[in-house]
């Protein structure tokens, strides 16, 4: 099971990585649109940014 990154929207790391790779996402906003991660309280945005760097 993958680590939950966005607790508000219940989005895990695997879902974010998959979206980044399949859709060639490069910004937090694109990840938000594709997965809803980071669209609640926003506390996970730094984690999303880190995942983007790791997978770019």
C-alpha atoms as a PDB file:
ATOM      1  CA  UNK A   1       0.000   0.000   0.000  1.00  0.00           C
ATOM      2  CA  UNK A   2       1.273   3.443  -0.936  1.00  0.00           C
ATOM      3  CA  UNK A   3       1.710   6.307   1.543  1.00  0.00           C
ATOM      4  CA  UNK A   4      -1.220   8.712   1.682  1.00  0.00           C
ATOM      5  CA  UNK A   5       0.028  12.122   0.575  1.00  0.00           C
ATOM      6  CA  UNK A   6      -3.220  14.091   0.582  1.00  0.00           C
ATOM      7  CA  UNK A   7      -5.312  13.151   3.595  1.00  0.00           C
ATOM      8  CA  UNK A   8      -8.153  15.550   2.749  1.00  0.00           C
ATOM      9  CA  UNK A   9      -8.802  13.894  -0.603  1.00  0.00           C
ATOM     10  CA  UNK A  10      -7.336  10.471   0.302  1.00  0.00           C
ATOM     11  CA  UNK A  11      -4.778  10.449  -2.535  1.00  0.00           C
ATOM     12  CA  UNK A  12      -1.724   8.220  -2.221  1.00  0.00           C
ATOM     13  CA  UNK A  13       1.811   8.580  -3.593  1.00  0.00           C
ATOM     14  CA  UNK A  14       1.286   5.884  -6.231  1.00  0.00           C
ATOM     15  CA  UNK A  15      -1.721   7.718  -7.697  1.00  0.00           C
ATOM     16  CA  UNK A  16       0.246  10.970  -7.935  1.00  0.00           C
ATOM     17  CA  UNK A  17       3.325   9.322  -9.479  1.00  0.00           C
ATOM     18  CA  UNK A  18       1.168   7.442 -11.999  1.00  0.00           C
ATOM     19  CA  UNK A  19      -0.610  10.654 -13.048  1.00  0.00           C
ATOM     20  CA  UNK A  20       2.711  12.525 -13.384  1.00  0.00           C
ATOM     21  CA  UNK A  21       4.190   9.821 -15.604  1.00  0.00           C
ATOM     22  CA  UNK A  22       1.127   9.045 -17.717  1.00  0.00           C
ATOM     23  CA  UNK A  23       0.106  12.660 -18.318  1.00  0.00           C
ATOM     24  CA  UNK A  24       3.573  14.268 -18.257  1.00  0.00           C
ATOM     25  CA  UNK A  25       2.539  16.627 -15.458  1.00  0.00           C
ATOM     26  CA  UNK A  26       5.040  19.283 -14.438  1.00  0.00           C
ATOM     27  CA  UNK A  27       3.236  21.580 -11.992  1.00  0.00           C
ATOM     28  CA  UNK A  28       1.358  21.254  -8.716  1.00  0.00           C
ATOM     29  CA  UNK A  29      -1.696  22.729 -10.433  1.00  0.00           C
ATOM     30  CA  UNK A  30      -1.650  19.977 -13.064  1.00  0.00           C
ATOM     31  CA  UNK A  31      -1.384  17.331 -10.342  1.00  0.00           C
ATOM     32  CA  UNK A  32      -4.295  18.960  -8.507  1.00  0.00           C
ATOM     33  CA  UNK A  33      -6.428  18.910 -11.655  1.00  0.00           C
ATOM     34  CA  UNK A  34      -5.553  15.284 -12.425  1.00  0.00           C
ATOM     35  CA  UNK A  35      -5.811  13.794  -8.914  1.00  0.00           C
ATOM     36  CA  UNK A  36      -7.541  16.348  -6.593  1.00  0.00           C
ATOM     37  CA  UNK A  37      -4.496  16.044  -4.295  1.00  0.00           C
ATOM     38  CA  UNK A  38      -3.666  19.369  -2.681  1.00  0.00           C
ATOM     39  CA  UNK A  39      -7.094  20.858  -3.271  1.00  0.00           C
ATOM     40  CA  UNK A  40      -8.279  20.595   0.341  1.00  0.00           C
ATOM     41  CA  UNK A  41      -6.241  22.251   3.077  1.00  0.00           C
ATOM     42  CA  UNK A  42      -3.051  22.459   0.982  1.00  0.00           C
ATOM     43  CA  UNK A  43      -0.703  21.011   3.605  1.00  0.00           C
ATOM     44  CA  UNK A  44       0.486  18.354   1.153  1.00  0.00           C
ATOM     45  CA  UNK A  45       1.558  20.795  -1.586  1.00  0.00           C
ATOM     46  CA  UNK A  46       5.253  20.638  -0.516  1.00  0.00           C
ATOM     47  CA  UNK A  47       5.039  16.831  -0.743  1.00  0.00           C
ATOM     48  CA  UNK A  48       3.504  17.073  -4.219  1.00  0.00           C
ATOM     49  CA  UNK A  49       6.306  19.440  -5.273  1.00  0.00           C
ATOM     50  CA  UNK A  50       8.872  16.917  -3.987  1.00  0.00           C
ATOM     51  CA  UNK A  51       7.199  14.069  -5.884  1.00  0.00           C
ATOM     52  CA  UNK A  52       7.235  16.181  -9.050  1.00  0.00           C
ATOM     53  CA  UNK A  53      10.993  16.767  -8.681  1.00  0.00           C
ATOM     54  CA  UNK A  54      11.621  13.065  -8.033  1.00  0.00           C
ATOM     55  CA  UNK A  55       9.624  12.029 -11.102  1.00  0.00           C
ATOM     56  CA  UNK A  56      10.554  14.671 -13.656  1.00  0.00           C
END
